[in-house]
Amino acid sequence: MVDTNGRTVGTVFLEWEQLTRRVPRGERAFRGERVTRPAIHQHYRESGVHGDYEDAIIDDEGLVGSEALWDRGLVEVMGEYAPVVWCDDAESREIGPRMLGPGDVRSS
């Protein structure tokens, strides 16, 4: 993320997820059936040695809204909208392990 002067103030890493849930009673499904749905795990770390860390799971309608923001070069973190500069794939592969640890990044 960048501030109004173009300085980097934090890093956002988006990680693809598949959430699994049990179908609620009353929906047309077999008893105990589980369904999956797409989601994004958004990780944010503020710049600096002791920068804050926040993560969130974005799914359903929230995912649709967030994708629209991302297309406009914005991201929502801690209830605020901020401009973001997206990395290419190679740079993203470097950022994920730095933010999450080398064994925690899922491959797409």
N, C-alpha and C. Protein backbone atom coordinates (compact mmCIF):
# COMPACT_ATOMS: atom_id res chain seq x y z
N MET A 1 0.84 -1.17 0.00
CA MET A 1 0.00 0.00 0.00
C MET A 1 0.89 1.23 0.00
N VAL A 2 0.34 2.28 -0.58
CA VAL A 2 1.10 3.53 -0.65
C VAL A 2 0.27 4.66 -0.05
N ASP A 3 0.97 5.67 0.47
CA ASP A 3 0.27 6.83 0.99
C ASP A 3 0.08 7.85 -0.13
N THR A 4 -0.47 9.01 0.20
CA THR A 4 -0.76 10.02 -0.83
C THR A 4 0.50 10.58 -1.47
N ASN A 5 1.66 10.39 -0.84
CA ASN A 5 2.93 10.84 -1.42
C ASN A 5 3.64 9.74 -2.19
N GLY A 6 3.00 8.56 -2.32
CA GLY A 6 3.59 7.46 -3.07
C GLY A 6 4.56 6.61 -2.28
N ARG A 7 4.68 6.85 -0.97
CA ARG A 7 5.58 6.04 -0.13
C ARG A 7 4.88 4.76 0.29
N THR A 8 5.62 3.67 0.33
CA THR A 8 5.07 2.39 0.77
C THR A 8 4.81 2.45 2.27
N VAL A 9 3.58 2.13 2.67
CA VAL A 9 3.22 2.15 4.09
C VAL A 9 2.84 0.76 4.59
N GLY A 10 2.74 -0.19 3.69
CA GLY A 10 2.38 -1.54 4.10
C GLY A 10 2.36 -2.48 2.91
N THR A 11 2.25 -3.76 3.20
CA THR A 11 2.21 -4.78 2.17
C THR A 11 0.94 -5.58 2.32
N VAL A 12 0.27 -5.82 1.21
CA VAL A 12 -0.93 -6.65 1.17
C VAL A 12 -0.61 -7.87 0.33
N PHE A 13 -0.96 -9.04 0.87
CA PHE A 13 -0.76 -10.29 0.14
C PHE A 13 -2.11 -11.00 0.08
N LEU A 14 -2.56 -11.31 -1.13
CA LEU A 14 -3.83 -11.99 -1.32
C LEU A 14 -3.57 -13.46 -1.61
N GLU A 15 -4.23 -14.32 -0.86
CA GLU A 15 -4.02 -15.76 -0.97
C GLU A 15 -5.36 -16.44 -1.28
N TRP A 16 -5.41 -17.19 -2.36
CA TRP A 16 -6.62 -17.89 -2.78
C TRP A 16 -6.98 -18.97 -1.78
N GLU A 17 -8.25 -19.07 -1.43
CA GLU A 17 -8.73 -20.09 -0.48
C GLU A 17 -9.95 -20.80 -1.08
N GLN A 18 -10.23 -21.98 -0.61
CA GLN A 18 -11.49 -22.67 -0.86
C GLN A 18 -12.06 -22.98 0.52
N LEU A 19 -13.15 -22.33 0.89
CA LEU A 19 -13.78 -22.55 2.19
C LEU A 19 -14.79 -23.68 2.08
N THR A 20 -14.79 -24.56 3.05
CA THR A 20 -15.75 -25.65 3.08
C THR A 20 -16.68 -25.45 4.26
N ARG A 21 -17.98 -25.64 4.03
CA ARG A 21 -18.94 -25.50 5.11
C ARG A 21 -20.01 -26.57 4.97
N ARG A 22 -20.62 -26.88 6.07
CA ARG A 22 -21.75 -27.80 6.07
C ARG A 22 -22.97 -27.05 5.58
N VAL A 23 -23.77 -27.69 4.74
CA VAL A 23 -24.99 -27.06 4.22
C VAL A 23 -25.98 -26.89 5.36
N PRO A 24 -26.50 -25.66 5.53
CA PRO A 24 -27.46 -25.43 6.62
C PRO A 24 -28.74 -26.23 6.42
N ARG A 25 -29.36 -26.55 7.53
CA ARG A 25 -30.63 -27.27 7.50
C ARG A 25 -31.65 -26.45 6.71
N GLY A 26 -32.43 -27.11 5.90
CA GLY A 26 -33.45 -26.43 5.12
C GLY A 26 -33.03 -26.17 3.68
N GLU A 27 -31.73 -26.11 3.41
CA GLU A 27 -31.28 -25.97 2.02
C GLU A 27 -31.40 -27.33 1.35
N ARG A 28 -31.60 -27.32 0.06
CA ARG A 28 -31.75 -28.57 -0.68
C ARG A 28 -30.39 -29.26 -0.79
N ALA A 29 -30.17 -30.22 0.07
CA ALA A 29 -28.91 -30.95 0.06
C ALA A 29 -29.09 -32.21 0.89
N PHE A 30 -28.15 -33.12 0.73
CA PHE A 30 -28.15 -34.32 1.54
C PHE A 30 -27.68 -33.98 2.94
N ARG A 31 -28.16 -34.73 3.91
CA ARG A 31 -27.79 -34.51 5.30
C ARG A 31 -26.28 -34.54 5.48
N GLY A 32 -25.73 -33.51 6.09
CA GLY A 32 -24.29 -33.45 6.36
C GLY A 32 -23.44 -33.09 5.16
N GLU A 33 -24.06 -32.79 4.02
CA GLU A 33 -23.28 -32.46 2.84
C GLU A 33 -22.47 -31.20 3.07
N ARG A 34 -21.30 -31.17 2.49
CA ARG A 34 -20.43 -30.00 2.59
C ARG A 34 -20.26 -29.39 1.21
N VAL A 35 -20.18 -28.08 1.17
CA VAL A 35 -19.97 -27.37 -0.08
C VAL A 35 -18.75 -26.47 0.08
N THR A 36 -18.12 -26.16 -1.04
CA THR A 36 -16.97 -25.25 -1.01
C THR A 36 -17.34 -23.99 -1.78
N ARG A 37 -16.69 -22.92 -1.39
CA ARG A 37 -16.88 -21.66 -2.10
C ARG A 37 -15.54 -20.92 -2.12
N PRO A 38 -15.34 -20.11 -3.15
CA PRO A 38 -14.07 -19.37 -3.25
C PRO A 38 -13.99 -18.25 -2.22
N ALA A 39 -12.77 -17.96 -1.83
CA ALA A 39 -12.52 -16.86 -0.89
C ALA A 39 -11.08 -16.39 -1.09
N ILE A 40 -10.81 -15.22 -0.57
CA ILE A 40 -9.45 -14.68 -0.57
C ILE A 40 -9.06 -14.42 0.88
N HIS A 41 -7.87 -14.87 1.24
CA HIS A 41 -7.30 -14.56 2.56
C HIS A 41 -6.40 -13.35 2.33
N GLN A 42 -6.80 -12.21 2.88
CA GLN A 42 -6.04 -10.97 2.70
C GLN A 42 -5.16 -10.75 3.92
N HIS A 43 -3.86 -10.70 3.69
CA HIS A 43 -2.88 -10.45 4.74
C HIS A 43 -2.34 -9.03 4.56
N TYR A 44 -2.20 -8.31 5.64
CA TYR A 44 -1.65 -6.95 5.58
C TYR A 44 -0.63 -6.77 6.69
N ARG A 45 0.52 -6.23 6.34
CA ARG A 45 1.54 -5.88 7.33
C ARG A 45 1.97 -4.45 7.07
N GLU A 46 1.91 -3.66 8.13
CA GLU A 46 2.35 -2.27 8.08
C GLU A 46 3.88 -2.25 7.97
N SER A 47 4.41 -1.27 7.28
CA SER A 47 5.86 -1.14 7.15
C SER A 47 6.49 -0.87 8.50
N GLY A 48 7.75 -1.22 8.64
CA GLY A 48 8.49 -0.97 9.87
C GLY A 48 8.71 -2.26 10.64
N VAL A 49 9.68 -2.22 11.54
CA VAL A 49 10.07 -3.39 12.31
C VAL A 49 8.92 -3.93 13.14
N HIS A 50 8.16 -3.06 13.76
CA HIS A 50 7.06 -3.48 14.63
C HIS A 50 5.70 -3.15 14.01
N GLY A 51 5.61 -3.24 12.68
CA GLY A 51 4.36 -2.90 11.99
C GLY A 51 3.22 -3.83 12.36
N ASP A 52 2.02 -3.27 12.42
CA ASP A 52 0.82 -4.06 12.72
C ASP A 52 0.57 -5.09 11.63
N TYR A 53 -0.08 -6.18 12.03
CA TYR A 53 -0.47 -7.23 11.09
C TYR A 53 -1.96 -7.45 11.23
N GLU A 54 -2.64 -7.59 10.11
CA GLU A 54 -4.07 -7.90 10.11
C GLU A 54 -4.34 -8.88 8.98
N ASP A 55 -5.25 -9.81 9.21
CA ASP A 55 -5.67 -10.66 8.12
C ASP A 55 -7.17 -10.83 8.16
N ALA A 56 -7.74 -11.15 7.02
CA ALA A 56 -9.19 -11.28 6.90
C ALA A 56 -9.51 -12.28 5.80
N ILE A 57 -10.59 -13.00 5.98
CA ILE A 57 -11.12 -13.87 4.94
C ILE A 57 -12.23 -13.10 4.24
N ILE A 58 -12.13 -12.98 2.94
CA ILE A 58 -13.12 -12.25 2.15
C ILE A 58 -13.83 -13.27 1.27
N ASP A 59 -15.15 -13.35 1.42
CA ASP A 59 -15.92 -14.30 0.61
C ASP A 59 -17.29 -13.74 0.27
N ASP A 60 -18.04 -14.51 -0.48
CA ASP A 60 -19.40 -14.16 -0.87
C ASP A 60 -19.48 -12.74 -1.43
N GLU A 61 -20.44 -11.94 -0.94
CA GLU A 61 -20.62 -10.58 -1.47
C GLU A 61 -19.39 -9.70 -1.20
N GLY A 62 -18.71 -9.95 -0.10
CA GLY A 62 -17.51 -9.18 0.20
C GLY A 62 -16.44 -9.36 -0.85
N LEU A 63 -16.36 -10.56 -1.41
CA LEU A 63 -15.37 -10.84 -2.45
C LEU A 63 -15.69 -10.04 -3.72
N VAL A 64 -16.96 -9.98 -4.07
CA VAL A 64 -17.36 -9.21 -5.25
C VAL A 64 -16.98 -7.73 -5.07
N GLY A 65 -17.29 -7.17 -3.90
CA GLY A 65 -16.94 -5.78 -3.63
C GLY A 65 -15.45 -5.54 -3.60
N SER A 66 -14.70 -6.45 -3.00
CA SER A 66 -13.25 -6.29 -2.92
C SER A 66 -12.61 -6.39 -4.30
N GLU A 67 -13.10 -7.30 -5.14
CA GLU A 67 -12.54 -7.41 -6.50
C GLU A 67 -12.73 -6.10 -7.27
N ALA A 68 -13.87 -5.44 -7.08
CA ALA A 68 -14.10 -4.15 -7.74
C ALA A 68 -13.09 -3.12 -7.23
N LEU A 69 -12.82 -3.12 -5.92
CA LEU A 69 -11.81 -2.20 -5.37
C LEU A 69 -10.43 -2.50 -5.94
N TRP A 70 -10.06 -3.79 -5.95
CA TRP A 70 -8.73 -4.18 -6.44
C TRP A 70 -8.54 -3.75 -7.89
N ASP A 71 -9.61 -3.89 -8.70
CA ASP A 71 -9.53 -3.46 -10.10
C ASP A 71 -9.26 -1.97 -10.23
N ARG A 72 -9.71 -1.19 -9.24
CA ARG A 72 -9.50 0.27 -9.24
C ARG A 72 -8.20 0.66 -8.55
N GLY A 73 -7.38 -0.33 -8.13
CA GLY A 73 -6.12 -0.03 -7.46
C GLY A 73 -6.28 0.39 -6.02
N LEU A 74 -7.34 -0.12 -5.36
CA LEU A 74 -7.58 0.18 -3.95
C LEU A 74 -7.68 -1.11 -3.17
N VAL A 75 -7.46 -1.01 -1.87
CA VAL A 75 -7.63 -2.14 -0.97
C VAL A 75 -8.23 -1.60 0.33
N GLU A 76 -9.07 -2.42 0.98
CA GLU A 76 -9.64 -2.03 2.27
C GLU A 76 -8.90 -2.77 3.36
N VAL A 77 -8.33 -2.00 4.28
CA VAL A 77 -7.61 -2.56 5.42
C VAL A 77 -8.04 -1.79 6.66
N MET A 78 -8.44 -2.53 7.68
CA MET A 78 -8.86 -1.93 8.94
C MET A 78 -9.93 -0.85 8.74
N GLY A 79 -10.85 -1.12 7.82
CA GLY A 79 -11.97 -0.21 7.59
C GLY A 79 -11.66 1.02 6.77
N GLU A 80 -10.46 1.13 6.25
CA GLU A 80 -10.07 2.28 5.44
C GLU A 80 -9.64 1.82 4.05
N TYR A 81 -9.88 2.68 3.06
CA TYR A 81 -9.48 2.39 1.68
C TYR A 81 -8.15 3.07 1.41
N ALA A 82 -7.25 2.34 0.77
CA ALA A 82 -5.93 2.91 0.46
C ALA A 82 -5.50 2.45 -0.92
N PRO A 83 -4.72 3.30 -1.62
CA PRO A 83 -4.21 2.89 -2.93
C PRO A 83 -3.17 1.78 -2.78
N VAL A 84 -3.11 0.94 -3.79
CA VAL A 84 -2.18 -0.18 -3.77
C VAL A 84 -1.53 -0.29 -5.15
N VAL A 85 -0.27 -0.70 -5.15
CA VAL A 85 0.45 -0.97 -6.39
C VAL A 85 0.66 -2.48 -6.44
N TRP A 86 0.06 -3.14 -7.43
CA TRP A 86 0.14 -4.60 -7.51
C TRP A 86 1.48 -5.04 -8.08
N CYS A 87 1.99 -6.15 -7.57
CA CYS A 87 3.25 -6.74 -8.01
C CYS A 87 3.00 -7.71 -9.16
N ASP A 88 4.06 -8.08 -9.83
CA ASP A 88 3.93 -9.15 -10.82
C ASP A 88 4.03 -10.50 -10.10
N ASP A 89 3.85 -11.59 -10.82
CA ASP A 89 3.83 -12.92 -10.21
C ASP A 89 5.14 -13.26 -9.49
N ALA A 90 6.27 -12.92 -10.09
CA ALA A 90 7.56 -13.25 -9.48
C ALA A 90 7.73 -12.54 -8.14
N GLU A 91 7.39 -11.27 -8.10
CA GLU A 91 7.51 -10.51 -6.86
C GLU A 91 6.54 -11.04 -5.79
N SER A 92 5.34 -11.45 -6.22
CA SER A 92 4.37 -12.02 -5.28
C SER A 92 4.89 -13.30 -4.65
N ARG A 93 5.59 -14.12 -5.44
CA ARG A 93 6.16 -15.36 -4.89
C ARG A 93 7.22 -15.09 -3.84
N GLU A 94 7.85 -13.92 -3.89
CA GLU A 94 8.82 -13.53 -2.86
C GLU A 94 8.13 -12.95 -1.62
N ILE A 95 7.07 -12.19 -1.83
CA ILE A 95 6.38 -11.52 -0.73
C ILE A 95 5.66 -12.51 0.18
N GLY A 96 4.99 -13.49 -0.39
CA GLY A 96 4.22 -14.46 0.40
C GLY A 96 5.04 -15.12 1.50
N PRO A 97 6.16 -15.74 1.17
CA PRO A 97 6.96 -16.38 2.22
C PRO A 97 7.51 -15.40 3.26
N ARG A 98 7.81 -14.16 2.85
CA ARG A 98 8.28 -13.16 3.81
C ARG A 98 7.19 -12.81 4.80
N MET A 99 5.95 -12.74 4.34
CA MET A 99 4.85 -12.36 5.22
C MET A 99 4.35 -13.52 6.06
N LEU A 100 4.30 -14.71 5.48
CA LEU A 100 3.66 -15.84 6.13
C LEU A 100 4.61 -16.90 6.65
N GLY A 101 5.83 -16.90 6.18
CA GLY A 101 6.76 -17.98 6.51
C GLY A 101 6.83 -18.90 5.31
N PRO A 102 7.98 -19.51 5.07
CA PRO A 102 8.20 -20.27 3.84
C PRO A 102 7.26 -21.47 3.66
N GLY A 103 6.81 -22.11 4.71
CA GLY A 103 5.94 -23.28 4.56
C GLY A 103 4.47 -22.97 4.53
N ASP A 104 4.09 -21.71 4.69
CA ASP A 104 2.67 -21.35 4.83
C ASP A 104 2.00 -20.89 3.55
N VAL A 105 2.74 -20.67 2.48
CA VAL A 105 2.14 -20.15 1.25
C VAL A 105 1.63 -21.31 0.42
N ARG A 106 0.35 -21.25 0.06
CA ARG A 106 -0.26 -22.28 -0.78
C ARG A 106 0.02 -21.97 -2.23
N SER A 107 0.22 -23.00 -3.03
CA SER A 107 0.39 -22.80 -4.46
C SER A 107 -0.99 -22.72 -5.12
N SER A 108 -1.07 -21.97 -6.19
CA SER A 108 -2.34 -21.84 -6.91
C SER A 108 -2.53 -23.01 -7.83
